[in-house]
Amino acid sequence: MRIEQVDELLWEIPRQDRMRVPARVFADAELLDAIRGDRSLEQLANVATLPGVVEAALAMPDIHQGYGFPVGGIAATEPPEGVISPGGVGYDINCGVRLLTLPLTAAELGARKEALVHAISREVPAGTGRGGRLEVRGLDLDRVLAEGPRALVEDRGIGTPEDVERTESEGRLEGADPDQVSERARQRGGDQLGTMGSGNHFVEVQRVERIFDPEAARSFGLAEGQVTVLIHSGSRGLGHQVCTDFVRRMDAARARGELRFELVDRQLACAPAASAEGRAYLGAMAAAANFAWANRHAIAAGVRRAVESALGPQAARETRQVYDVAHNVAKLEDHGGRRVYVHRKGATRAFPAGSAEIPAPYRKTGQPVFIPGSMGTWSYVLAGRPGAMERSFGTVCHGAGRQLSRTAARKRLAGGELRQELERAGITVRCPSNRGLAEEAPFAYKDVERVVDVVERAGLAARVARLQPVGVVKG
């Protein structure tokens, strides 16, 4: 596949064959070599063939092969002809991250670290299919699907209004339609609020190892040495079922001849946003996104219970939320004078200072963005910059990005050995499955330092702080 260098950090696959727009990748030369190791560039070029796609199909330096769309991909489509694609959001609708700060330093935490990590593992259920203590069914579930975490605050007294205010879109996508969420999806998700799941999901205890931008760090409530907790989870079985349902529904509509366009890859199942299938998916996707925000909200409540158990009630009361951002979602936004659906699959919104979409305390510095590394490596807090609006539909990367499959990672190192390595590095680990631990080994991922360096030098976001892991709970 022909790819041309546009500048030091931007590469372009020119329009060819059925591509409607070019495909562009933010990467340095070394990362591009790693990206070429799977089918992600081919998938990105396929995204550029979708009806209604505008400007370019884009990818961040953490791009890797996914279902139809590559993970780390961005595409904006313009209604009414522009399509909406479940594959462009992903099976884990609104997988995302939430950062909490604790009112103490790592030195003050000291030997209580083990107790805190263990308490989190008790309070936040982890593992495939596992449910938790917070069950919502019927009208209660409808309210969560429509209102997100606000329903938990108002109806159950879980969390605070400030938590909701410091969540992307205040934890609620407009247009959510609980009636479009199937009974099977409801059954799968009804007992999963407040649960982590498996795979690359985690709750990680960290320390602020370095501050890069003191003003932004103060705005975010971060100080050097401070203890933080990063939560990574999504919409669990409910969101997975929503995606499954609508991939099948759109495939069936196309087979009946109701959707009059051809796809270069059936995994790109889609429908015009204005069509019956498109509208139904948008309603169900928004409901699943709201469920995911409520899930992370409930996990944060579990973390606060753990803090109270290990560190006392005052520490729990003073545990604050910095922000919560989605990285698997499609949102209707204004870009370049157009109203477009921005698909972000493994990509994070990063709006700059001054945006009305950002909570008031952060409007002078830009939206907080959280970029997890892999287990045992740093994570980053960034702030959105104007270049993101100019170059990437207000978007940056979402993590380091896989470079080895889960199977390949398991073959290289056993989970038990990895557990010992992490413990020797001072990272307390709670994970019920050595197999799952091995699949998420640090060497399975690209270098997060290099990924963050690319988005910063490209003018998309800027470093605010670096976070060092001291404990991790995984499914």
Protein backbone atom coordinates (compact mmCIF):
# COMPACT_ATOMS: atom_id res chain seq x y z
CA MET A 1 0.00 0.00 0.00
CA ARG A 2 1.39 3.37 -1.04
CA ILE A 3 1.95 5.78 1.83
CA GLU A 4 3.48 9.24 1.53
CA GLN A 5 5.14 11.38 4.19
CA VAL A 6 3.35 14.73 4.59
CA ASP A 7 5.55 16.07 7.38
CA GLU A 8 7.72 14.69 10.18
CA LEU A 9 4.74 13.21 12.04
CA LEU A 10 1.99 12.80 9.43
CA TRP A 11 1.69 10.12 6.73
CA GLU A 12 -0.97 9.84 4.04
CA ILE A 13 -2.45 7.05 1.96
CA PRO A 14 -3.65 9.00 -1.12
CA ARG A 15 -7.12 8.49 -2.52
CA GLN A 16 -7.24 5.38 -4.68
CA ASP A 17 -9.73 2.80 -5.83
CA ARG A 18 -12.98 3.38 -3.89
CA MET A 19 -11.57 5.76 -1.28
CA ARG A 20 -13.62 8.96 -1.02
CA VAL A 21 -10.99 10.79 1.05
CA PRO A 22 -7.34 10.15 1.88
CA ALA A 23 -6.28 8.24 5.01
CA ARG A 24 -3.78 9.86 7.38
CA VAL A 25 -1.70 8.55 10.28
CA PHE A 26 0.07 10.52 13.00
CA ALA A 27 3.31 8.64 13.76
CA ASP A 28 7.07 8.86 13.68
CA ALA A 29 9.05 6.54 11.43
CA GLU A 30 9.66 3.91 14.13
CA LEU A 31 6.00 3.77 15.16
CA LEU A 32 4.95 3.56 11.51
CA ASP A 33 7.14 0.48 11.11
CA ALA A 34 5.33 -1.13 14.06
CA ILE A 35 1.94 -0.12 12.64
CA ARG A 36 2.76 -1.85 9.34
CA GLY A 37 2.91 -5.15 11.22
CA ASP A 38 -0.85 -5.77 11.04
CA ARG A 39 -3.83 -4.85 8.81
CA SER A 40 -4.60 -1.53 10.49
CA LEU A 41 -3.50 0.68 7.55
CA GLU A 42 -5.59 -1.42 5.16
CA GLN A 43 -8.54 -1.04 7.54
CA LEU A 44 -7.99 2.72 7.70
CA ALA A 45 -8.06 2.93 3.90
CA ASN A 46 -11.31 0.94 3.96
CA VAL A 47 -12.83 3.46 6.38
CA ALA A 48 -12.06 6.15 3.80
CA THR A 49 -14.54 4.45 1.42
CA LEU A 50 -17.60 4.96 3.66
CA PRO A 51 -20.47 7.10 2.34
CA GLY A 52 -20.41 10.64 3.70
CA VAL A 53 -16.90 10.49 5.18
CA VAL A 54 -15.30 13.96 5.16
CA GLU A 55 -11.77 15.36 5.03
CA ALA A 56 -9.81 12.19 5.83
CA ALA A 57 -9.92 8.93 7.73
CA LEU A 58 -7.45 9.48 10.57
CA ALA A 59 -5.38 7.34 12.90
CA MET A 60 -3.38 8.03 16.03
CA PRO A 61 0.08 6.55 16.73
CA ASP A 62 -1.46 3.83 18.93
CA ILE A 63 -3.41 2.41 15.96
CA HIS A 64 -3.73 -1.35 15.68
CA GLN A 65 -6.01 -3.82 13.91
CA GLY A 66 -9.62 -3.98 15.09
CA TYR A 67 -13.07 -5.08 13.92
CA GLY A 68 -13.63 -3.24 10.62
CA PHE A 69 -12.28 0.07 11.89
CA PRO A 70 -8.77 0.02 13.33
CA VAL A 71 -8.42 0.77 17.03
CA GLY A 72 -6.99 4.27 17.22
CA GLY A 73 -9.10 5.37 14.25
CA ILE A 74 -11.22 8.49 13.71
CA ALA A 75 -13.77 9.18 10.99
CA ALA A 76 -16.24 12.04 10.63
CA THR A 77 -19.35 11.52 8.51
CA GLU A 78 -21.80 14.20 7.45
CA PRO A 79 -25.55 13.51 7.63
CA PRO A 80 -27.96 12.85 6.10
CA GLU A 81 -26.06 10.64 3.62
CA GLY A 82 -23.16 10.08 5.98
CA VAL A 83 -23.25 6.70 7.69
CA ILE A 84 -23.00 5.64 11.29
CA SER A 85 -21.05 2.42 11.88
CA PRO A 86 -21.08 0.17 14.97
CA GLY A 87 -17.58 -0.97 14.02
CA GLY A 88 -16.44 2.66 14.20
CA VAL A 89 -17.44 2.76 17.85
CA GLY A 90 -16.52 -0.79 18.81
CA TYR A 91 -18.06 -3.59 20.83
CA ASP A 92 -17.20 -1.96 24.16
CA ILE A 93 -19.27 1.17 23.65
CA ASN A 94 -17.83 4.06 25.68
CA CYS A 95 -14.90 2.19 27.02
CA GLY A 96 -13.09 5.03 28.77
CA VAL A 97 -11.05 6.23 31.73
CA ARG A 98 -11.75 8.16 34.92
CA LEU A 99 -9.07 9.67 37.17
CA LEU A 100 -9.48 10.18 40.92
CA THR A 101 -7.12 11.99 43.29
CA LEU A 102 -6.57 10.99 46.91
CA PRO A 103 -5.71 13.52 49.65
CA LEU A 104 -2.26 12.09 50.42
CA THR A 105 1.13 11.42 48.90
CA ALA A 106 2.64 8.07 48.06
CA ALA A 107 5.04 8.53 50.98
CA GLU A 108 2.08 9.06 53.31
CA LEU A 109 0.35 6.00 51.87
CA GLY A 110 3.46 3.95 52.63
CA ALA A 111 2.83 0.45 53.90
CA ARG A 112 -0.94 0.91 53.59
CA LYS A 113 -0.64 0.49 49.83
CA GLU A 114 -1.17 -3.29 50.01
CA ALA A 115 -4.32 -2.82 52.08
CA LEU A 116 -5.68 -0.24 49.64
CA VAL A 117 -5.09 -2.40 46.56
CA HIS A 118 -6.60 -5.41 48.30
CA ALA A 119 -9.65 -3.37 49.38
CA ILE A 120 -10.18 -2.18 45.79
CA SER A 121 -10.04 -5.80 44.59
CA ARG A 122 -12.82 -6.65 47.09
CA GLU A 123 -15.00 -3.66 46.23
CA VAL A 124 -14.70 -3.74 42.40
CA PRO A 125 -15.65 -7.13 40.91
CA ALA A 126 -13.40 -8.15 38.03
CA GLY A 127 -13.51 -10.88 35.40
CA THR A 128 -15.47 -12.03 32.37
CA GLY A 129 -19.23 -11.84 32.83
CA ARG A 130 -18.98 -11.11 36.53
CA GLY A 131 -21.75 -9.07 38.15
CA GLY A 132 -21.68 -6.89 41.22
CA ARG A 133 -23.73 -5.74 44.16
CA LEU A 134 -25.53 -2.95 42.26
CA GLU A 135 -28.34 -4.48 40.21
CA VAL A 136 -30.63 -2.34 38.03
CA ARG A 137 -33.57 -3.72 36.09
CA GLY A 138 -36.75 -2.47 34.44
CA LEU A 139 -37.50 1.23 34.92
CA ASP A 140 -34.38 1.72 37.05
CA LEU A 141 -32.24 0.47 34.17
CA ASP A 142 -34.16 2.67 31.71
CA ARG A 143 -33.32 5.67 33.85
CA VAL A 144 -29.60 4.80 33.84
CA LEU A 145 -29.70 4.28 30.07
CA ALA A 146 -31.36 7.67 29.58
CA GLU A 147 -29.57 9.74 32.23
CA GLY A 148 -26.25 8.01 32.96
CA PRO A 149 -24.54 8.58 36.33
CA ARG A 150 -26.92 11.37 37.31
CA ALA A 151 -29.55 8.66 37.87
CA LEU A 152 -27.24 6.95 40.40
CA VAL A 153 -26.63 10.21 42.26
CA GLU A 154 -30.31 11.18 42.40
CA ASP A 155 -31.91 7.77 42.90
CA ARG A 156 -29.29 5.83 44.89
CA GLY A 157 -27.12 8.52 46.49
CA ILE A 158 -24.04 7.09 44.75
CA GLY A 159 -21.32 9.63 44.03
CA THR A 160 -21.74 13.40 43.88
CA PRO A 161 -23.09 16.04 41.49
CA GLU A 162 -19.48 17.27 41.11
CA ASP A 163 -18.54 13.84 39.72
CA VAL A 164 -21.22 14.25 37.06
CA GLU A 165 -20.10 17.78 36.19
CA ARG A 166 -16.52 16.53 35.74
CA THR A 167 -17.50 13.86 33.23
CA GLU A 168 -17.42 14.24 29.45
CA SER A 169 -20.89 15.39 28.30
CA GLU A 170 -21.83 15.22 32.00
CA GLY A 171 -22.12 11.47 31.50
CA ARG A 172 -25.14 11.72 29.21
CA LEU A 173 -25.38 11.56 25.42
CA GLU A 174 -28.43 13.26 23.97
CA GLY A 175 -30.84 11.08 22.06
CA ALA A 176 -30.46 7.95 24.17
CA ASP A 177 -33.39 5.61 23.49
CA PRO A 178 -33.67 2.76 26.01
CA ASP A 179 -36.37 1.14 23.84
CA GLN A 180 -33.68 0.34 21.24
CA VAL A 181 -31.66 -1.71 23.76
CA SER A 182 -32.62 -5.37 23.36
CA GLU A 183 -33.83 -7.59 26.15
CA ARG A 184 -30.69 -9.71 25.78
CA ALA A 185 -28.51 -6.62 26.26
CA ARG A 186 -30.50 -5.68 29.36
CA GLN A 187 -30.08 -9.15 30.80
CA ARG A 188 -26.33 -9.06 30.25
CA GLY A 189 -25.89 -5.62 31.80
CA GLY A 190 -28.44 -5.54 34.60
CA ASP A 191 -26.01 -6.68 37.31
CA GLN A 192 -22.80 -5.27 35.86
CA LEU A 193 -22.78 -1.65 37.04
CA GLY A 194 -19.72 -1.10 39.19
CA THR A 195 -17.76 -3.99 37.64
CA MET A 196 -14.49 -3.90 35.75
CA GLY A 197 -14.70 -6.78 33.29
CA SER A 198 -11.61 -8.43 31.83
CA GLY A 199 -9.09 -7.88 29.02
CA ASN A 200 -7.25 -4.57 29.27
CA HIS A 201 -9.62 -3.11 31.89
CA PHE A 202 -8.12 -2.18 35.24
CA VAL A 203 -8.16 -0.03 38.35
CA GLU A 204 -4.65 1.28 38.95
CA VAL A 205 -3.22 3.04 42.01
CA GLN A 206 -0.53 5.53 40.95
CA ARG A 207 1.67 8.36 42.15
CA VAL A 208 2.19 11.63 40.31
CA GLU A 209 5.82 11.10 39.33
CA ARG A 210 6.36 14.34 37.40
CA ILE A 211 4.57 17.61 36.64
CA PHE A 212 5.18 19.15 33.20
CA ASP A 213 2.68 22.04 33.31
CA PRO A 214 2.26 23.41 36.85
CA GLU A 215 -0.66 25.69 35.99
CA ALA A 216 -2.68 22.95 34.31
CA ALA A 217 -1.77 20.49 37.06
CA ARG A 218 -3.08 22.89 39.71
CA SER A 219 -6.27 23.31 37.69
CA PHE A 220 -6.68 19.52 37.55
CA GLY A 221 -5.90 19.17 41.26
CA LEU A 222 -2.63 17.27 40.74
CA ALA A 223 0.56 17.67 42.77
CA GLU A 224 3.89 15.85 42.63
CA GLY A 225 3.92 12.71 44.76
CA GLN A 226 0.12 12.62 45.08
CA VAL A 227 -1.75 9.30 44.97
CA THR A 228 -4.22 8.87 42.11
CA VAL A 229 -6.50 6.07 40.93
CA LEU A 230 -7.15 5.49 37.22
CA ILE A 231 -10.26 3.49 36.26
CA HIS A 232 -10.54 1.85 32.83
CA SER A 233 -13.79 0.08 31.92
CA GLY A 234 -16.80 0.39 29.62
CA SER A 235 -20.36 -0.76 28.99
CA ARG A 236 -19.67 -4.45 29.71
CA GLY A 237 -22.05 -7.07 28.27
CA LEU A 238 -24.78 -4.53 27.58
CA GLY A 239 -22.65 -2.51 25.13
CA HIS A 240 -21.24 -5.63 23.50
CA GLN A 241 -24.75 -6.91 22.84
CA VAL A 242 -25.89 -3.54 21.41
CA CYS A 243 -23.04 -3.67 18.90
CA THR A 244 -23.76 -7.31 18.04
CA ASP A 245 -27.47 -6.59 17.54
CA PHE A 246 -26.91 -3.67 15.19
CA VAL A 247 -24.13 -5.23 13.11
CA ARG A 248 -26.62 -8.03 12.40
CA ARG A 249 -29.49 -5.62 11.79
CA MET A 250 -27.50 -3.48 9.34
CA ASP A 251 -26.15 -6.58 7.56
CA ALA A 252 -29.71 -7.84 7.14
CA ALA A 253 -30.96 -4.48 5.82
CA ARG A 254 -28.16 -4.41 3.25
CA ALA A 255 -28.90 -8.00 2.21
CA ARG A 256 -32.54 -7.01 1.62
CA GLY A 257 -31.39 -4.17 -0.64
CA GLU A 258 -32.60 -1.45 1.73
CA LEU A 259 -29.12 0.08 2.06
CA ARG A 260 -27.97 0.87 -1.46
CA PHE A 261 -24.20 0.92 -1.20
CA GLU A 262 -21.43 -1.65 -1.33
CA LEU A 263 -18.88 -2.24 1.40
CA VAL A 264 -15.26 -3.22 0.84
CA ASP A 265 -15.37 -5.10 4.17
CA ARG A 266 -18.55 -6.51 5.73
CA GLN A 267 -17.14 -5.65 9.17
CA LEU A 268 -17.80 -2.02 8.21
CA ALA A 269 -21.55 -2.65 8.58
CA CYS A 270 -23.22 0.75 8.66
CA ALA A 271 -26.32 2.72 7.75
CA PRO A 272 -27.03 6.37 6.91
CA ALA A 273 -27.41 8.26 10.18
CA ALA A 274 -30.82 9.49 8.97
CA SER A 275 -32.12 6.00 8.14
CA ALA A 276 -34.32 3.92 10.44
CA GLU A 277 -31.39 1.62 11.23
CA GLY A 278 -29.04 4.56 11.77
CA ARG A 279 -31.41 6.38 14.11
CA ALA A 280 -32.11 3.21 16.08
CA TYR A 281 -28.39 2.49 16.50
CA LEU A 282 -27.66 6.05 17.60
CA GLY A 283 -30.36 5.76 20.27
CA ALA A 284 -29.06 2.41 21.51
CA MET A 285 -25.41 3.48 21.32
CA ALA A 286 -26.11 6.63 23.36
CA ALA A 287 -27.96 4.53 25.96
CA ALA A 288 -25.01 2.13 26.19
CA ALA A 289 -22.60 5.07 26.48
CA ASN A 290 -24.64 6.45 29.38
CA PHE A 291 -24.56 3.00 30.99
CA ALA A 292 -20.75 2.97 30.68
CA TRP A 293 -20.40 6.36 32.36
CA ALA A 294 -22.67 5.08 35.13
CA ASN A 295 -20.48 1.96 35.38
CA ARG A 296 -17.28 3.96 35.91
CA HIS A 297 -19.20 6.19 38.33
CA ALA A 298 -20.18 3.11 40.35
CA ILE A 299 -16.62 1.74 40.19
CA ALA A 300 -15.41 5.09 41.59
CA ALA A 301 -17.87 4.63 44.47
CA GLY A 302 -16.27 1.22 45.08
CA VAL A 303 -12.83 2.84 45.11
CA ARG A 304 -14.06 5.36 47.69
CA ARG A 305 -15.36 2.51 49.85
CA ALA A 306 -11.93 0.90 49.57
CA VAL A 307 -10.24 4.16 50.51
CA GLU A 308 -12.49 4.42 53.56
CA SER A 309 -11.70 0.85 54.57
CA ALA A 310 -7.93 1.21 54.16
CA LEU A 311 -7.33 4.89 54.91
CA GLY A 312 -10.34 6.16 56.82
CA PRO A 313 -13.57 8.11 56.17
CA GLN A 314 -11.94 11.53 55.79
CA ALA A 315 -9.67 10.27 52.99
CA ALA A 316 -12.74 8.84 51.24
CA ARG A 317 -14.66 12.12 51.56
CA GLU A 318 -11.69 14.01 50.10
CA THR A 319 -11.18 11.65 47.15
CA ARG A 320 -12.01 13.80 44.11
CA GLN A 321 -12.73 13.12 40.48
CA VAL A 322 -10.52 14.94 37.97
CA TYR A 323 -12.43 13.93 34.82
CA ASP A 324 -13.88 11.00 32.87
CA VAL A 325 -13.36 10.63 29.11
CA ALA A 326 -14.74 8.16 26.56
CA HIS A 327 -12.60 6.57 23.88
CA ASN A 328 -15.16 4.39 22.01
CA VAL A 329 -18.07 6.55 20.90
CA ALA A 330 -19.68 8.50 18.04
CA LYS A 331 -20.79 12.08 18.74
CA LEU A 332 -22.47 14.79 16.70
CA GLU A 333 -20.12 17.78 16.74
CA ASP A 334 -19.29 20.96 14.82
CA HIS A 335 -15.99 20.91 12.94
CA GLY A 336 -14.89 23.20 10.14
CA GLY A 337 -18.38 24.61 9.62
CA ARG A 338 -19.89 21.13 9.32
CA ARG A 339 -22.14 19.18 11.67
CA VAL A 340 -20.63 15.68 11.64
CA TYR A 341 -20.72 12.39 13.49
CA VAL A 342 -17.21 11.86 14.81
CA HIS A 343 -16.45 8.17 15.30
CA ARG A 344 -13.69 7.72 17.88
CA LYS A 345 -12.63 4.11 18.26
CA GLY A 346 -9.76 3.82 20.68
CA ALA A 347 -9.34 7.59 20.43
CA THR A 348 -9.97 10.34 22.98
CA ARG A 349 -11.67 13.70 22.69
CA ALA A 350 -9.16 16.50 23.40
CA PHE A 351 -10.83 19.90 23.13
CA PRO A 352 -8.65 22.98 23.74
CA ALA A 353 -8.97 25.85 26.20
CA GLY A 354 -12.08 27.96 25.75
CA SER A 355 -14.39 25.15 24.64
CA ALA A 356 -17.85 25.33 26.16
CA GLU A 357 -17.83 21.51 26.23
CA ILE A 358 -15.19 21.51 28.99
CA PRO A 359 -16.11 21.91 32.68
CA ALA A 360 -15.64 25.51 33.79
CA PRO A 361 -12.59 24.83 36.04
CA TYR A 362 -10.64 23.54 33.03
CA ARG A 363 -11.56 26.05 30.34
CA LYS A 364 -8.35 28.04 30.77
CA THR A 365 -6.10 25.01 30.38
CA GLY A 366 -7.89 22.66 27.98
CA GLN A 367 -9.73 19.39 28.47
CA PRO A 368 -8.02 16.75 30.64
CA VAL A 369 -7.00 13.70 28.62
CA PHE A 370 -5.77 10.44 30.17
CA ILE A 371 -3.42 8.12 28.28
CA PRO A 372 -2.82 4.83 30.11
CA GLY A 373 0.41 3.04 29.42
CA SER A 374 0.68 -0.69 29.92
CA MET A 375 1.03 -2.45 33.26
CA GLY A 376 4.32 -1.40 34.78
CA THR A 377 4.76 1.70 32.62
CA TRP A 378 3.76 5.32 33.03
CA SER A 379 0.40 6.82 32.20
CA TYR A 380 -0.01 10.45 31.14
CA VAL A 381 -2.35 13.31 31.83
CA LEU A 382 -2.55 15.67 28.86
CA ALA A 383 -4.51 18.81 28.03
CA GLY A 384 -6.17 19.38 24.66
CA ARG A 385 -4.65 21.95 22.30
CA PRO A 386 -6.03 23.94 19.31
CA GLY A 387 -4.12 21.74 16.87
CA ALA A 388 -6.48 18.88 17.64
CA MET A 389 -9.44 20.91 16.37
CA GLU A 390 -7.49 21.90 13.26
CA ARG A 391 -6.02 18.49 12.43
CA SER A 392 -7.89 15.60 14.07
CA PHE A 393 -11.52 16.55 14.82
CA GLY A 394 -10.53 17.40 18.40
CA THR A 395 -9.01 13.96 19.05
CA VAL A 396 -5.83 12.29 20.33
CA CYS A 397 -4.70 8.75 21.13
CA HIS A 398 -6.15 6.61 23.92
CA GLY A 399 -3.18 4.57 25.12
CA ALA A 400 0.03 2.90 24.04
CA GLY A 401 -1.64 0.59 21.50
CA ARG A 402 -1.06 -3.14 21.15
CA GLN A 403 1.84 -4.45 19.10
CA LEU A 404 1.48 -8.14 20.06
CA SER A 405 -1.69 -10.21 20.04
CA ARG A 406 -2.89 -11.66 23.33
CA THR A 407 -1.88 -15.13 22.17
CA ALA A 408 1.64 -13.96 21.27
CA ALA A 409 1.99 -12.21 24.63
CA ARG A 410 1.02 -15.39 26.51
CA LYS A 411 3.61 -17.38 24.58
CA ARG A 412 6.39 -14.99 25.50
CA LEU A 413 5.93 -14.84 29.28
CA ALA A 414 3.79 -16.75 31.77
CA GLY A 415 1.42 -14.74 33.94
CA GLY A 416 3.02 -15.97 37.14
CA GLU A 417 6.44 -14.75 36.01
CA LEU A 418 4.98 -11.36 35.06
CA ARG A 419 3.29 -11.09 38.44
CA GLN A 420 6.66 -11.62 40.14
CA GLU A 421 8.36 -9.07 37.88
CA LEU A 422 5.75 -6.43 38.68
CA GLU A 423 5.95 -7.15 42.40
CA ARG A 424 9.75 -6.81 42.27
CA ALA A 425 9.24 -3.41 40.62
CA GLY A 426 7.12 -2.33 43.60
CA ILE A 427 3.73 -2.78 41.89
CA THR A 428 1.16 -4.66 43.95
CA VAL A 429 -0.95 -6.88 41.68
CA ARG A 430 -4.42 -8.33 42.20
CA CYS A 431 -5.59 -10.42 39.24
CA PRO A 432 -7.46 -13.73 39.52
CA SER A 433 -6.14 -15.02 36.19
CA ASN A 434 -2.47 -15.52 35.29
CA ARG A 435 -3.60 -16.01 31.69
CA GLY A 436 -5.31 -12.61 31.63
CA LEU A 437 -2.28 -11.02 33.27
CA ALA A 438 0.09 -12.41 30.63
CA GLU A 439 -2.10 -11.07 27.82
CA GLU A 440 -1.59 -7.53 29.13
CA ALA A 441 2.18 -7.68 29.62
CA PRO A 442 3.98 -4.36 29.01
CA PHE A 443 5.92 -5.72 26.02
CA ALA A 444 2.61 -6.40 24.23
CA TYR A 445 2.18 -2.63 23.82
CA LYS A 446 3.95 0.16 22.00
CA ASP A 447 6.09 2.66 23.90
CA VAL A 448 3.61 5.09 25.49
CA GLU A 449 6.38 7.73 25.77
CA ARG A 450 6.81 7.67 22.01
CA VAL A 451 3.05 7.75 21.35
CA VAL A 452 2.55 10.75 23.64
CA ASP A 453 5.58 12.50 22.14
CA VAL A 454 3.98 12.28 18.68
CA VAL A 455 0.64 13.79 19.70
CA GLU A 456 2.41 16.54 21.63
CA ARG A 457 4.82 17.48 18.83
CA ALA A 458 1.90 17.37 16.37
CA GLY A 459 0.19 20.08 18.45
CA LEU A 460 -2.81 17.93 19.41
CA ALA A 461 -2.28 17.91 23.19
CA ALA A 462 0.37 18.77 25.77
CA ARG A 463 1.79 16.86 28.72
CA VAL A 464 0.53 17.91 32.15
CA ALA A 465 1.68 15.07 34.42
CA ARG A 466 3.19 11.59 34.40
CA LEU A 467 1.75 8.89 36.64
CA GLN A 468 3.71 5.90 37.95
CA PRO A 469 1.86 2.68 38.86
CA VAL A 470 2.21 1.35 42.41
CA GLY A 471 -0.69 -1.11 42.41
CA VAL A 472 -3.08 -2.63 39.89
CA VAL A 473 -6.32 -4.63 40.01
CA LYS A 474 -7.24 -6.51 36.81
CA GLY A 475 -9.85 -9.00 35.66
